[in-house]
Amino acid sequence: MSIGQAVSIMRGGIFEILILSAPVLLVAMVVGLIISILQATTSIQEQTLTFVPKIAAIMLVLALLGGWMFSSLADYTRQLFGMIPDMVK
């Protein structure tokens, strides 16, 4: 296996991680921002007020996009296993 192949595999893995984690992180960020704006306007500084809605939103996104995430990760894994014979040459 050449250095170019190793870099290509690492780049693909990092890209896959970014694509799979982006929806969850974006939803958590948006929910956190909305809750923090509400907290700033109402002067309520309760920590659980941000934690519970974020967890609920993350679970909802995982429930909705979990199938797509799993199939995307499975496709990437199949691609990696398909590259094994070329790596040993």
PDB file of N, CA and C in Angstrom:
ATOM      1  N   MET A   1       0.855  -1.177   0.000  1.00  0.00           N
ATOM      2  CA  MET A   1       0.000   0.000   0.000  1.00  0.00           C
ATOM      3  C   MET A   1       0.897   1.235   0.000  1.00  0.00           C
ATOM      4  N   SER A   2       0.586   2.122  -0.885  1.00  0.00           N
ATOM      5  CA  SER A   2       1.379   3.344  -0.991  1.00  0.00           C
ATOM      6  C   SER A   2       0.858   4.411  -0.029  1.00  0.00           C
ATOM      7  N   ILE A   3       1.637   5.449   0.093  1.00  0.00           N
ATOM      8  CA  ILE A   3       1.241   6.560   0.959  1.00  0.00           C
ATOM      9  C   ILE A   3      -0.004   7.248   0.402  1.00  0.00           C
ATOM     10  N   GLY A   4      -0.106   7.306  -0.908  1.00  0.00           N
ATOM     11  CA  GLY A   4      -1.283   7.918  -1.531  1.00  0.00           C
ATOM     12  C   GLY A   4      -2.561   7.166  -1.205  1.00  0.00           C
ATOM     13  N   GLN A   5      -2.492   5.834  -1.195  1.00  0.00           N
ATOM     14  CA  GLN A   5      -3.673   5.040  -0.829  1.00  0.00           C
ATOM     15  C   GLN A   5      -4.040   5.245   0.632  1.00  0.00           C
ATOM     16  N   ALA A   6      -3.021   5.297   1.504  1.00  0.00           N
ATOM     17  CA  ALA A   6      -3.289   5.506   2.932  1.00  0.00           C
ATOM     18  C   ALA A   6      -3.929   6.868   3.178  1.00  0.00           C
ATOM     19  N   VAL A   7      -3.421   7.873   2.489  1.00  0.00           N
ATOM     20  CA  VAL A   7      -3.996   9.219   2.633  1.00  0.00           C
ATOM     21  C   VAL A   7      -5.429   9.241   2.110  1.00  0.00           C
ATOM     22  N   SER A   8      -5.673   8.545   1.017  1.00  0.00           N
ATOM     23  CA  SER A   8      -7.021   8.484   0.453  1.00  0.00           C
ATOM     24  C   SER A   8      -7.994   7.798   1.411  1.00  0.00           C
ATOM     25  N   ILE A   9      -7.553   6.723   2.038  1.00  0.00           N
ATOM     26  CA  ILE A   9      -8.401   6.024   3.009  1.00  0.00           C
ATOM     27  C   ILE A   9      -8.689   6.912   4.213  1.00  0.00           C
ATOM     28  N   MET A  10      -7.669   7.598   4.724  1.00  0.00           N
ATOM     29  CA  MET A  10      -7.864   8.491   5.875  1.00  0.00           C
ATOM     30  C   MET A  10      -8.776   9.657   5.519  1.00  0.00           C
ATOM     31  N   ARG A  11      -8.589  10.219   4.325  1.00  0.00           N
ATOM     32  CA  ARG A  11      -9.447  11.327   3.898  1.00  0.00           C
ATOM     33  C   ARG A  11     -10.899  10.880   3.776  1.00  0.00           C
ATOM     34  N   GLY A  12     -11.107   9.688   3.222  1.00  0.00           N
ATOM     35  CA  GLY A  12     -12.467   9.158   3.112  1.00  0.00           C
ATOM     36  C   GLY A  12     -13.101   8.913   4.466  1.00  0.00           C
ATOM     37  N   GLY A  13     -12.300   8.417   5.408  1.00  0.00           N
ATOM     38  CA  GLY A  13     -12.825   8.186   6.756  1.00  0.00           C
ATOM     39  C   GLY A  13     -13.199   9.471   7.463  1.00  0.00           C
ATOM     40  N   ILE A  14     -12.357  10.472   7.338  1.00  0.00           N
ATOM     41  CA  ILE A  14     -12.656  11.767   7.968  1.00  0.00           C
ATOM     42  C   ILE A  14     -13.883  12.408   7.326  1.00  0.00           C
ATOM     43  N   PHE A  15     -13.978  12.307   6.010  1.00  0.00           N
ATOM     44  CA  PHE A  15     -15.149  12.852   5.316  1.00  0.00           C
ATOM     45  C   PHE A  15     -16.422  12.136   5.754  1.00  0.00           C
ATOM     46  N   GLU A  16     -16.345  10.823   5.907  1.00  0.00           N
ATOM     47  CA  GLU A  16     -17.509  10.040   6.354  1.00  0.00           C
ATOM     48  C   GLU A  16     -17.928  10.453   7.769  1.00  0.00           C
ATOM     49  N   ILE A  17     -16.957  10.657   8.640  1.00  0.00           N
ATOM     50  CA  ILE A  17     -17.258  11.099  10.005  1.00  0.00           C
ATOM     51  C   ILE A  17     -17.945  12.458   9.990  1.00  0.00           C
ATOM     52  N   LEU A  18     -17.432  13.376   9.188  1.00  0.00           N
ATOM     53  CA  LEU A  18     -18.036  14.713   9.117  1.00  0.00           C
ATOM     54  C   LEU A  18     -19.464  14.668   8.585  1.00  0.00           C
ATOM     55  N   ILE A  19     -19.678  13.871   7.549  1.00  0.00           N
ATOM     56  CA  ILE A  19     -21.020  13.773   6.962  1.00  0.00           C
ATOM     57  C   ILE A  19     -22.005  13.151   7.945  1.00  0.00           C
ATOM     58  N   LEU A  20     -21.565  12.125   8.681  1.00  0.00           N
ATOM     59  CA  LEU A  20     -22.475  11.442   9.592  1.00  0.00           C
ATOM     60  C   LEU A  20     -22.748  12.237  10.871  1.00  0.00           C
ATOM     61  N   SER A  21     -21.770  13.002  11.330  1.00  0.00           N
ATOM     62  CA  SER A  21     -21.965  13.729  12.583  1.00  0.00           C
ATOM     63  C   SER A  21     -22.581  15.115  12.385  1.00  0.00           C
ATOM     64  N   ALA A  22     -22.543  15.648  11.176  1.00  0.00           N
ATOM     65  CA  ALA A  22     -23.028  17.012  10.938  1.00  0.00           C
ATOM     66  C   ALA A  22     -24.495  17.227  11.315  1.00  0.00           C
ATOM     67  N   PRO A  23     -25.437  16.343  10.914  1.00  0.00           N
ATOM     68  CA  PRO A  23     -26.829  16.619  11.289  1.00  0.00           C
ATOM     69  C   PRO A  23     -27.061  16.661  12.798  1.00  0.00           C
ATOM     70  N   VAL A  24     -26.432  15.748  13.516  1.00  0.00           N
ATOM     71  CA  VAL A  24     -26.614  15.697  14.972  1.00  0.00           C
ATOM     72  C   VAL A  24     -26.010  16.936  15.616  1.00  0.00           C
ATOM     73  N   LEU A  25     -24.817  17.308  15.201  1.00  0.00           N
ATOM     74  CA  LEU A  25     -24.168  18.477  15.794  1.00  0.00           C
ATOM     75  C   LEU A  25     -24.902  19.768  15.456  1.00  0.00           C
ATOM     76  N   LEU A  26     -25.394  19.879  14.243  1.00  0.00           N
ATOM     77  CA  LEU A  26     -26.123  21.095  13.867  1.00  0.00           C
ATOM     78  C   LEU A  26     -27.428  21.243  14.649  1.00  0.00           C
ATOM     79  N   VAL A  27     -28.145  20.148  14.818  1.00  0.00           N
ATOM     80  CA  VAL A  27     -29.394  20.212  15.590  1.00  0.00           C
ATOM     81  C   VAL A  27     -29.102  20.555  17.041  1.00  0.00           C
ATOM     82  N   ALA A  28     -28.073  19.960  17.611  1.00  0.00           N
ATOM     83  CA  ALA A  28     -27.712  20.268  19.001  1.00  0.00           C
ATOM     84  C   ALA A  28     -27.312  21.734  19.143  1.00  0.00           C
ATOM     85  N   MET A  29     -26.585  22.248  18.164  1.00  0.00           N
ATOM     86  CA  MET A  29     -26.164  23.646  18.216  1.00  0.00           C
ATOM     87  C   MET A  29     -27.360  24.590  18.096  1.00  0.00           C
ATOM     88  N   VAL A  30     -28.275  24.300  17.185  1.00  0.00           N
ATOM     89  CA  VAL A  30     -29.438  25.167  17.001  1.00  0.00           C
ATOM     90  C   VAL A  30     -30.334  25.138  18.239  1.00  0.00           C
ATOM     91  N   VAL A  31     -30.589  23.956  18.776  1.00  0.00           N
ATOM     92  CA  VAL A  31     -31.417  23.857  19.980  1.00  0.00           C
ATOM     93  C   VAL A  31     -30.742  24.570  21.153  1.00  0.00           C
ATOM     94  N   GLY A  32     -29.440  24.394  21.305  1.00  0.00           N
ATOM     95  CA  GLY A  32     -28.711  25.083  22.375  1.00  0.00           C
ATOM     96  C   GLY A  32     -28.768  26.584  22.228  1.00  0.00           C
ATOM     97  N   LEU A  33     -28.658  27.071  20.995  1.00  0.00           N
ATOM     98  CA  LEU A  33     -28.720  28.508  20.754  1.00  0.00           C
ATOM     99  C   LEU A  33     -30.102  29.067  21.085  1.00  0.00           C
ATOM    100  N   ILE A  34     -31.135  28.353  20.674  1.00  0.00           N
ATOM    101  CA  ILE A  34     -32.502  28.810  20.969  1.00  0.00           C
ATOM    102  C   ILE A  34     -32.750  28.832  22.473  1.00  0.00           C
ATOM    103  N   ILE A  35     -32.340  27.781  23.159  1.00  0.00           N
ATOM    104  CA  ILE A  35     -32.545  27.729  24.608  1.00  0.00           C
ATOM    105  C   ILE A  35     -31.731  28.807  25.314  1.00  0.00           C
ATOM    106  N   SER A  36     -30.505  29.050  24.862  1.00  0.00           N
ATOM    107  CA  SER A  36     -29.696  30.081  25.522  1.00  0.00           C
ATOM    108  C   SER A  36     -30.272  31.477  25.283  1.00  0.00           C
ATOM    109  N   ILE A  37     -30.861  31.707  24.119  1.00  0.00           N
ATOM    110  CA  ILE A  37     -31.521  33.000  23.882  1.00  0.00           C
ATOM    111  C   ILE A  37     -32.723  33.139  24.807  1.00  0.00           C
ATOM    112  N   LEU A  38     -33.498  32.067  24.950  1.00  0.00           N
ATOM    113  CA  LEU A  38     -34.637  32.109  25.889  1.00  0.00           C
ATOM    114  C   LEU A  38     -34.171  32.321  27.317  1.00  0.00           C
ATOM    115  N   GLN A  39     -33.081  31.692  27.697  1.00  0.00           N
ATOM    116  CA  GLN A  39     -32.565  31.877  29.052  1.00  0.00           C
ATOM    117  C   GLN A  39     -32.079  33.308  29.272  1.00  0.00           C
ATOM    118  N   ALA A  40     -31.448  33.886  28.260  1.00  0.00           N
ATOM    119  CA  ALA A  40     -30.952  35.257  28.409  1.00  0.00           C
ATOM    120  C   ALA A  40     -32.094  36.260  28.503  1.00  0.00           C
ATOM    121  N   THR A  41     -33.172  36.011  27.776  1.00  0.00           N
ATOM    122  CA  THR A  41     -34.278  36.965  27.814  1.00  0.00           C
ATOM    123  C   THR A  41     -35.119  36.832  29.078  1.00  0.00           C
ATOM    124  N   THR A  42     -35.170  35.632  29.637  1.00  0.00           N
ATOM    125  CA  THR A  42     -35.994  35.431  30.837  1.00  0.00           C
ATOM    126  C   THR A  42     -35.185  35.390  32.123  1.00  0.00           C
ATOM    127  N   SER A  43     -33.862  35.459  32.037  1.00  0.00           N
ATOM    128  CA  SER A  43     -32.953  35.415  33.191  1.00  0.00           C
ATOM    129  C   SER A  43     -33.089  34.123  33.992  1.00  0.00           C
ATOM    130  N   ILE A  44     -33.457  33.041  33.342  1.00  0.00           N
ATOM    131  CA  ILE A  44     -33.508  31.729  33.991  1.00  0.00           C
ATOM    132  C   ILE A  44     -32.190  31.029  33.672  1.00  0.00           C
ATOM    133  N   GLN A  45     -31.428  30.681  34.697  1.00  0.00           N
ATOM    134  CA  GLN A  45     -30.122  30.063  34.492  1.00  0.00           C
ATOM    135  C   GLN A  45     -30.106  28.631  35.021  1.00  0.00           C
ATOM    136  N   GLU A  46     -31.021  27.844  34.577  1.00  0.00           N
ATOM    137  CA  GLU A  46     -31.109  26.433  34.973  1.00  0.00           C
ATOM    138  C   GLU A  46     -30.369  25.580  33.960  1.00  0.00           C
ATOM    139  N   GLN A  47     -29.420  24.738  34.426  1.00  0.00           N
ATOM    140  CA  GLN A  47     -28.604  23.928  33.532  1.00  0.00           C
ATOM    141  C   GLN A  47     -29.402  22.817  32.854  1.00  0.00           C
ATOM    142  N   THR A  48     -30.354  22.242  33.558  1.00  0.00           N
ATOM    143  CA  THR A  48     -31.130  21.157  32.960  1.00  0.00           C
ATOM    144  C   THR A  48     -32.047  21.657  31.849  1.00  0.00           C
ATOM    145  N   LEU A  49     -32.303  22.945  31.836  1.00  0.00           N
ATOM    146  CA  LEU A  49     -33.149  23.521  30.791  1.00  0.00           C
ATOM    147  C   LEU A  49     -32.489  23.411  29.415  1.00  0.00           C
ATOM    148  N   THR A  50     -31.174  23.426  29.365  1.00  0.00           N
ATOM    149  CA  THR A  50     -30.492  23.248  28.082  1.00  0.00           C
ATOM    150  C   THR A  50     -30.217  21.782  27.794  1.00  0.00           C
ATOM    151  N   PHE A  51     -29.978  21.002  28.814  1.00  0.00           N
ATOM    152  CA  PHE A  51     -29.575  19.608  28.625  1.00  0.00           C
ATOM    153  C   PHE A  51     -30.709  18.737  28.092  1.00  0.00           C
ATOM    154  N   VAL A  52     -31.868  18.819  28.672  1.00  0.00           N
ATOM    155  CA  VAL A  52     -32.984  17.939  28.308  1.00  0.00           C
ATOM    156  C   VAL A  52     -33.472  18.178  26.872  1.00  0.00           C
ATOM    157  N   PRO A  53     -33.711  19.409  26.438  1.00  0.00           N
ATOM    158  CA  PRO A  53     -34.135  19.591  25.045  1.00  0.00           C
ATOM    159  C   PRO A  53     -33.071  19.162  24.027  1.00  0.00           C
ATOM    160  N   LYS A  54     -31.784  19.378  24.356  1.00  0.00           N
ATOM    161  CA  LYS A  54     -30.725  18.946  23.447  1.00  0.00           C
ATOM    162  C   LYS A  54     -30.724  17.436  23.289  1.00  0.00           C
ATOM    163  N   ILE A  55     -30.839  16.721  24.393  1.00  0.00           N
ATOM    164  CA  ILE A  55     -30.862  15.259  24.337  1.00  0.00           C
ATOM    165  C   ILE A  55     -32.081  14.781  23.549  1.00  0.00           C
ATOM    166  N   ALA A  56     -33.226  15.395  23.776  1.00  0.00           N
ATOM    167  CA  ALA A  56     -34.434  14.998  23.052  1.00  0.00           C
ATOM    168  C   ALA A  56     -34.281  15.258  21.553  1.00  0.00           C
ATOM    169  N   ALA A  57     -33.707  16.401  21.189  1.00  0.00           N
ATOM    170  CA  ALA A  57     -33.520  16.723  19.773  1.00  0.00           C
ATOM    171  C   ALA A  57     -32.517  15.772  19.129  1.00  0.00           C
ATOM    172  N   ILE A  58     -31.455  15.442  19.833  1.00  0.00           N
ATOM    173  CA  ILE A  58     -30.455  14.511  19.306  1.00  0.00           C
ATOM    174  C   ILE A  58     -31.067  13.132  19.110  1.00  0.00           C
ATOM    175  N   MET A  59     -31.847  12.675  20.064  1.00  0.00           N
ATOM    176  CA  MET A  59     -32.499  11.371  19.930  1.00  0.00           C
ATOM    177  C   MET A  59     -33.470  11.363  18.747  1.00  0.00           C
ATOM    178  N   LEU A  60     -34.176  12.455  18.538  1.00  0.00           N
ATOM    179  CA  LEU A  60     -35.101  12.549  17.412  1.00  0.00           C
ATOM    180  C   LEU A  60     -34.350  12.489  16.075  1.00  0.00           C
ATOM    181  N   VAL A  61     -33.245  13.217  15.989  1.00  0.00           N
ATOM    182  CA  VAL A  61     -32.446  13.192  14.757  1.00  0.00           C
ATOM    183  C   VAL A  61     -31.873  11.799  14.523  1.00  0.00           C
ATOM    184  N   LEU A  62     -31.399  11.149  15.569  1.00  0.00           N
ATOM    185  CA  LEU A  62     -30.869   9.796  15.419  1.00  0.00           C
ATOM    186  C   LEU A  62     -31.961   8.815  15.007  1.00  0.00           C
ATOM    187  N   ALA A  63     -33.171   9.002  15.520  1.00  0.00           N
ATOM    188  CA  ALA A  63     -34.279   8.126  15.138  1.00  0.00           C
ATOM    189  C   ALA A  63     -34.670   8.346  13.679  1.00  0.00           C
ATOM    190  N   LEU A  64     -34.641   9.597  13.237  1.00  0.00           N
ATOM    191  CA  LEU A  64     -35.030   9.901  11.860  1.00  0.00           C
ATOM    192  C   LEU A  64     -33.940   9.556  10.844  1.00  0.00           C
ATOM    193  N   LEU A  65     -32.694   9.826  11.175  1.00  0.00           N
ATOM    194  CA  LEU A  65     -31.599   9.648  10.225  1.00  0.00           C
ATOM    195  C   LEU A  65     -30.724   8.431  10.513  1.00  0.00           C
ATOM    196  N   GLY A  66     -31.089   7.648  11.511  1.00  0.00           N
ATOM    197  CA  GLY A  66     -30.267   6.499  11.887  1.00  0.00           C
ATOM    198  C   GLY A  66     -30.113   5.484  10.764  1.00  0.00           C
ATOM    199  N   GLY A  67     -31.167   5.225  10.025  1.00  0.00           N
ATOM    200  CA  GLY A  67     -31.097   4.278   8.922  1.00  0.00           C
ATOM    201  C   GLY A  67     -30.145   4.747   7.829  1.00  0.00           C
ATOM    202  N   TRP A  68     -30.227   6.031   7.495  1.00  0.00           N
ATOM    203  CA  TRP A  68     -29.323   6.585   6.494  1.00  0.00           C
ATOM    204  C   TRP A  68     -27.875   6.547   6.987  1.00  0.00           C
ATOM    205  N   MET A  69     -27.677   6.874   8.250  1.00  0.00           N
ATOM    206  CA  MET A  69     -26.328   6.858   8.811  1.00  0.00           C
ATOM    207  C   MET A  69     -25.743   5.445   8.775  1.00  0.00           C
ATOM    208  N   PHE A  70     -26.550   4.468   9.148  1.00  0.00           N
ATOM    209  CA  PHE A  70     -26.071   3.091   9.152  1.00  0.00           C
ATOM    210  C   PHE A  70     -25.763   2.604   7.743  1.00  0.00           C
ATOM    211  N   SER A  71     -26.622   2.913   6.790  1.00  0.00           N
ATOM    212  CA  SER A  71     -26.373   2.456   5.424  1.00  0.00           C
ATOM    213  C   SER A  71     -25.144   3.144   4.824  1.00  0.00           C
ATOM    214  N   SER A  72     -24.936   4.410   5.133  1.00  0.00           N
ATOM    215  CA  SER A  72     -23.759   5.117   4.650  1.00  0.00           C
ATOM    216  C   SER A  72     -22.484   4.523   5.245  1.00  0.00           C
ATOM    217  N   LEU A  73     -22.516   4.226   6.526  1.00  0.00           N
ATOM    218  CA  LEU A  73     -21.354   3.621   7.183  1.00  0.00           C
ATOM    219  C   LEU A  73     -21.114   2.204   6.674  1.00  0.00           C
ATOM    220  N   ALA A  74     -22.177   1.465   6.401  1.00  0.00           N
ATOM    221  CA  ALA A  74     -22.038   0.113   5.860  1.00  0.00           C
ATOM    222  C   ALA A  74     -21.451   0.155   4.452  1.00  0.00           C
ATOM    223  N   ASP A  75     -21.872   1.109   3.641  1.00  0.00           N
ATOM    224  CA  ASP A  75     -21.302   1.258   2.293  1.00  0.00           C
ATOM    225  C   ASP A  75     -19.815   1.577   2.360  1.00  0.00           C
ATOM    226  N   TYR A  76     -19.438   2.454   3.269  1.00  0.00           N
ATOM    227  CA  TYR A  76     -18.020   2.802   3.424  1.00  0.00           C
ATOM    228  C   TYR A  76     -17.219   1.587   3.885  1.00  0.00           C
ATOM    229  N   THR A  77     -17.775   0.811   4.796  1.00  0.00           N
ATOM    230  CA  THR A  77     -17.089  -0.381   5.281  1.00  0.00           C
ATOM    231  C   THR A  77     -16.936  -1.409   4.169  1.00  0.00           C
ATOM    232  N   ARG A  78     -17.985  -1.596   3.365  1.00  0.00           N
ATOM    233  CA  ARG A  78     -17.876  -2.506   2.219  1.00  0.00           C
ATOM    234  C   ARG A  78     -16.809  -2.033   1.245  1.00  0.00           C
ATOM    235  N   GLN A  79     -16.744  -0.746   1.040  1.00  0.00           N
ATOM    236  CA  GLN A  79     -15.717  -0.188   0.153  1.00  0.00           C
ATOM    237  C   GLN A  79     -14.321  -0.475   0.703  1.00  0.00           C
ATOM    238  N   LEU A  80     -14.144  -0.317   2.005  1.00  0.00           N
ATOM    239  CA  LEU A  80     -12.843  -0.612   2.616  1.00  0.00           C
ATOM    240  C   LEU A  80     -12.483  -2.088   2.479  1.00  0.00           C
ATOM    241  N   PHE A  81     -13.428  -2.968   2.750  1.00  0.00           N
ATOM    242  CA  PHE A  81     -13.158  -4.395   2.622  1.00  0.00           C
ATOM    243  C   PHE A  81     -12.892  -4.783   1.164  1.00  0.00           C
ATOM    244  N   GLY A  82     -13.512  -4.081   0.233  1.00  0.00           N
ATOM    245  CA  GLY A  82     -13.254  -4.341  -1.175  1.00  0.00           C
ATOM    246  C   GLY A  82     -11.859  -3.900  -1.599  1.00  0.00           C
ATOM    247  N   MET A  83     -11.257  -2.972  -0.862  1.00  0.00           N
ATOM    248  CA  MET A  83      -9.923  -2.484  -1.184  1.00  0.00           C
ATOM    249  C   MET A  83      -8.814  -3.367  -0.608  1.00  0.00           C
ATOM    250  N   ILE A  84      -9.146  -4.298   0.275  1.00  0.00           N
ATOM    251  CA  ILE A  84      -8.124  -5.113   0.931  1.00  0.00           C
ATOM    252  C   ILE A  84      -7.282  -5.907  -0.069  1.00  0.00           C
ATOM    253  N   PRO A  85      -7.876  -6.561  -1.068  1.00  0.00           N
ATOM    254  CA  PRO A  85      -7.015  -7.298  -2.014  1.00  0.00           C
ATOM    255  C   PRO A  85      -6.017  -6.409  -2.755  1.00  0.00           C
ATOM    256  N   ASP A  86      -6.389  -5.173  -3.034  1.00  0.00           N
ATOM    257  CA  ASP A  86      -5.472  -4.259  -3.717  1.00  0.00           C
ATOM    258  C   ASP A  86      -4.355  -3.769  -2.795  1.00  0.00           C
ATOM    259  N   MET A  87      -4.600  -3.769  -1.488  1.00  0.00           N
ATOM    260  CA  MET A  87      -3.609  -3.281  -0.542  1.00  0.00           C
ATOM    261  C   MET A  87      -2.461  -4.247  -0.352  1.00  0.00           C
ATOM    262  N   VAL A  88      -2.700  -5.527  -0.460  1.00  0.00           N
ATOM    263  CA  VAL A  88      -1.653  -6.511  -0.183  1.00  0.00           C
ATOM    264  C   VAL A  88      -0.693  -6.693  -1.354  1.00  0.00           C
ATOM    265  N   LYS A  89      -0.996  -6.117  -2.477  1.00  0.00           N
ATOM    266  CA  LYS A  89      -0.112  -6.252  -3.644  1.00  0.00           C
ATOM    267  C   LYS A  89       1.098  -5.385  -3.516  1.00  0.00           C
TER     268      LYS A  89
END
